[in-house]
Amino acid sequence: MDKMNLRRQLNAARASLSPEQLRANAIKTRETLLDQPWVQMAGLVACYWSAGVEPETHGLVFALWKHGATVMLPVLRDDNDLDWAVYDGPDTLAPGRHGIMEPVDTRRGVDAIRTAALVIVPALAVDRKTGVRLGRGGGSYDRALARVGPNVPTVALLHAGELLDDVPAEPHDQHVRFAMTPEGLTSLM
């Protein structure tokens, strides 16, 4: 299946999830991640502020911040690359491009992700054999992930059924080291 049709299929499945399922999935994901020692020890975390039916991160971001981590969230630039700014509580966010909430803090630049000890990214699917992630098609996270060091844990958050046996890939597509579904955390490398 090509990327466009796979995206369409996955987005339709996500649209069928109830608010109760989304909340339950978010709690399972947050608790499982926060139980990982390498998550607990990460001083600087790059994450995302979820929108719509993406795996919800609001509680995760807040919990990481309350436990003392510095959390950077992406700020979408005009060239579709990702700048980064620090989250300093729920009242430090404002709508950015496309209405997605972004920190109002000083921008740290596209290379700020290089300093993160943990990177959590959105994905529509991940290939269980290669770790290649399928995003929405803009390439923003592929550019960001290309800047992350090889030993930094990178985690894609997924809904059930989105860790697949085969995800179409192109040379620029980046992989992640872990996939997090409501069923648990899967190491991919």
Protein backbone atom coordinates (compact mmCIF):
# COMPACT_ATOMS: atom_id res chain seq x y z
CA MET A 1 0.00 0.00 0.00
CA ASP A 2 1.33 3.46 -0.82
CA LYS A 3 1.79 6.16 1.84
CA MET A 4 -1.22 8.24 0.81
CA ASN A 5 -3.67 5.34 1.02
CA LEU A 6 -2.12 4.07 4.25
CA ARG A 7 -2.45 7.54 5.78
CA ARG A 8 -6.08 7.71 4.69
CA GLN A 9 -6.80 4.29 6.24
CA LEU A 10 -5.02 5.11 9.52
CA ASN A 11 -6.70 8.52 9.84
CA ALA A 12 -10.12 6.90 9.32
CA ALA A 13 -9.38 4.37 12.06
CA ARG A 14 -8.28 7.15 14.41
CA ALA A 15 -11.46 9.12 13.67
CA SER A 16 -13.50 6.16 14.93
CA LEU A 17 -11.90 6.21 18.40
CA SER A 18 -14.20 7.42 21.16
CA PRO A 19 -13.18 10.14 23.62
CA GLU A 20 -13.16 7.44 26.32
CA GLN A 21 -10.75 5.28 24.29
CA LEU A 22 -8.50 8.27 23.66
CA ARG A 23 -8.41 9.11 27.40
CA ALA A 24 -7.74 5.51 28.42
CA ASN A 25 -4.97 5.21 25.81
CA ALA A 26 -3.37 8.44 27.03
CA ILE A 27 -3.31 7.22 30.64
CA LYS A 28 -1.77 3.85 29.71
CA THR A 29 0.84 5.53 27.51
CA ARG A 30 1.75 8.15 30.12
CA GLU A 31 2.04 5.64 32.98
CA THR A 32 4.10 3.15 30.95
CA LEU A 33 6.53 5.82 29.76
CA LEU A 34 6.88 7.41 33.19
CA ASP A 35 7.78 3.96 34.62
CA GLN A 36 10.87 3.74 32.39
CA PRO A 37 14.10 4.73 34.22
CA TRP A 38 15.52 6.31 31.06
CA VAL A 39 12.43 8.52 30.84
CA GLN A 40 12.65 9.43 34.54
CA MET A 41 16.32 10.40 34.15
CA ALA A 42 15.93 12.47 30.98
CA GLY A 43 16.65 16.06 31.98
CA LEU A 44 15.74 17.58 28.61
CA VAL A 45 12.85 16.05 26.68
CA ALA A 46 11.65 17.01 23.20
CA CYS A 47 7.98 16.14 22.89
CA TYR A 48 4.91 17.41 21.02
CA TRP A 49 1.58 18.91 22.06
CA SER A 50 -1.04 16.58 20.62
CA ALA A 51 -3.99 17.76 18.56
CA GLY A 52 -7.17 16.04 17.45
CA VAL A 53 -7.02 12.25 17.60
CA GLU A 54 -3.23 11.98 17.87
CA PRO A 55 -2.05 9.97 20.87
CA GLU A 56 -2.64 12.51 23.63
CA THR A 57 0.44 14.07 25.23
CA HIS A 58 -0.95 16.89 27.40
CA GLY A 59 -0.84 14.83 30.61
CA LEU A 60 2.55 13.36 29.69
CA VAL A 61 4.10 16.78 29.04
CA PHE A 62 2.66 18.12 32.30
CA ALA A 63 3.90 15.08 34.28
CA LEU A 64 7.41 15.30 32.82
CA TRP A 65 7.52 19.01 33.63
CA LYS A 66 6.20 18.49 37.18
CA HIS A 67 8.84 15.78 37.76
CA GLY A 68 11.58 18.28 36.92
CA ALA A 69 12.34 17.65 33.25
CA THR A 70 12.77 20.56 30.89
CA VAL A 71 10.32 19.88 28.08
CA MET A 72 10.76 21.43 24.65
CA LEU A 73 7.84 21.52 22.25
CA PRO A 74 8.02 22.16 18.51
CA VAL A 75 7.19 25.43 16.83
CA LEU A 76 6.39 24.98 13.15
CA ARG A 77 8.41 27.35 10.98
CA ASP A 78 7.35 28.80 7.64
CA ASP A 79 9.65 26.31 5.86
CA ASN A 80 7.92 23.41 7.73
CA ASP A 81 11.02 22.70 9.79
CA LEU A 82 10.67 22.58 13.57
CA ASP A 83 12.04 25.19 15.93
CA TRP A 84 11.87 24.38 19.66
CA ALA A 85 10.75 26.31 22.75
CA VAL A 86 10.45 25.37 26.41
CA TYR A 87 7.11 24.44 27.97
CA ASP A 88 6.69 26.17 31.33
CA GLY A 89 3.20 25.08 32.30
CA PRO A 90 -0.17 24.97 30.56
CA ASP A 91 -0.64 28.73 30.58
CA THR A 92 2.54 29.27 28.52
CA LEU A 93 1.02 27.93 25.29
CA ALA A 94 -0.66 29.83 22.47
CA PRO A 95 -2.08 28.74 19.10
CA GLY A 96 0.53 28.62 16.36
CA ARG A 97 0.28 27.82 12.67
CA HIS A 98 -2.63 25.50 11.92
CA GLY A 99 -4.00 26.20 15.43
CA ILE A 100 -1.60 23.79 17.16
CA MET A 101 -0.58 24.96 20.61
CA GLU A 102 3.03 26.12 20.92
CA PRO A 103 5.13 27.52 23.78
CA VAL A 104 5.43 31.30 23.92
CA ASP A 105 9.01 30.99 25.25
CA THR A 106 12.07 32.12 23.30
CA ARG A 107 12.79 29.96 20.27
CA ARG A 108 15.90 27.82 20.65
CA GLY A 109 16.46 26.99 16.98
CA VAL A 110 16.11 23.86 14.85
CA ASP A 111 19.28 22.36 16.32
CA ALA A 112 18.01 22.49 19.93
CA ILE A 113 16.72 18.94 19.51
CA ARG A 114 20.36 17.79 19.37
CA THR A 115 20.60 18.47 23.13
CA ALA A 116 17.55 16.38 24.12
CA ALA A 117 18.08 13.24 26.21
CA LEU A 118 14.72 11.84 25.04
CA VAL A 119 12.66 12.58 21.93
CA ILE A 120 8.94 11.73 21.73
CA VAL A 121 7.32 12.17 18.31
CA PRO A 122 3.94 11.68 16.69
CA ALA A 123 3.42 9.05 14.01
CA LEU A 124 0.57 7.48 12.11
CA ALA A 125 2.40 4.15 11.99
CA VAL A 126 5.78 2.55 12.63
CA ASP A 127 7.34 -0.44 10.91
CA ARG A 128 8.03 -3.05 13.59
CA LYS A 129 11.06 -4.46 11.68
CA THR A 130 12.86 -1.24 10.72
CA GLY A 131 11.47 1.42 13.06
CA VAL A 132 10.62 3.65 10.10
CA ARG A 133 7.82 6.03 11.07
CA LEU A 134 5.02 7.25 8.86
CA GLY A 135 4.10 10.84 9.57
CA ARG A 136 1.54 13.17 8.07
CA GLY A 137 3.65 13.86 5.00
CA GLY A 138 5.16 17.29 5.68
CA GLY A 139 8.63 15.98 6.56
CA SER A 140 8.98 18.19 9.66
CA TYR A 141 9.74 15.34 12.05
CA ASP A 142 12.00 13.55 9.55
CA ARG A 143 14.18 16.69 9.45
CA ALA A 144 14.11 16.95 13.25
CA LEU A 145 14.88 13.25 13.83
CA ALA A 146 17.83 13.46 11.43
CA ARG A 147 19.44 15.85 13.97
CA VAL A 148 19.08 13.47 16.94
CA GLY A 149 22.12 11.50 18.07
CA PRO A 150 22.13 7.72 17.49
CA ASN A 151 22.09 6.88 21.22
CA VAL A 152 19.18 9.13 22.17
CA PRO A 153 15.93 7.24 22.79
CA THR A 154 13.35 8.23 20.18
CA VAL A 155 9.78 7.15 20.85
CA ALA A 156 6.81 7.31 18.48
CA LEU A 157 3.40 7.39 20.16
CA LEU A 158 0.78 5.24 18.44
CA HIS A 159 -2.73 3.95 18.88
CA ALA A 160 -3.44 0.20 18.89
CA GLY A 161 -2.97 -1.38 15.48
CA GLU A 162 -0.48 1.22 14.22
CA LEU A 163 2.69 -0.83 14.76
CA LEU A 164 2.74 -2.51 11.36
CA ASP A 165 4.68 -5.26 9.60
CA ASP A 166 5.36 -3.06 6.58
CA VAL A 167 5.47 0.73 6.27
CA PRO A 168 6.43 2.18 2.89
CA ALA A 169 9.67 4.12 3.18
CA GLU A 170 11.71 6.58 1.17
CA PRO A 171 15.38 7.45 1.70
CA HIS A 172 14.58 10.57 3.76
CA ASP A 173 12.25 8.74 6.17
CA GLN A 174 13.67 8.48 9.69
CA HIS A 175 13.31 5.62 12.13
CA VAL A 176 12.61 5.60 15.85
CA ARG A 177 14.06 3.30 18.50
CA PHE A 178 10.78 2.64 20.33
CA ALA A 179 7.07 2.50 19.57
CA MET A 180 4.62 3.19 22.38
CA THR A 181 1.08 1.83 22.02
CA PRO A 182 -1.59 1.40 24.70
CA GLU A 183 -0.49 -2.25 24.83
CA GLY A 184 3.05 -1.33 25.82
CA LEU A 185 6.49 -0.18 24.79
CA THR A 186 8.23 -1.98 21.92
CA SER A 187 11.98 -1.74 21.31
CA LEU A 188 12.69 -1.58 17.59
CA MET A 189 16.47 -1.69 17.51
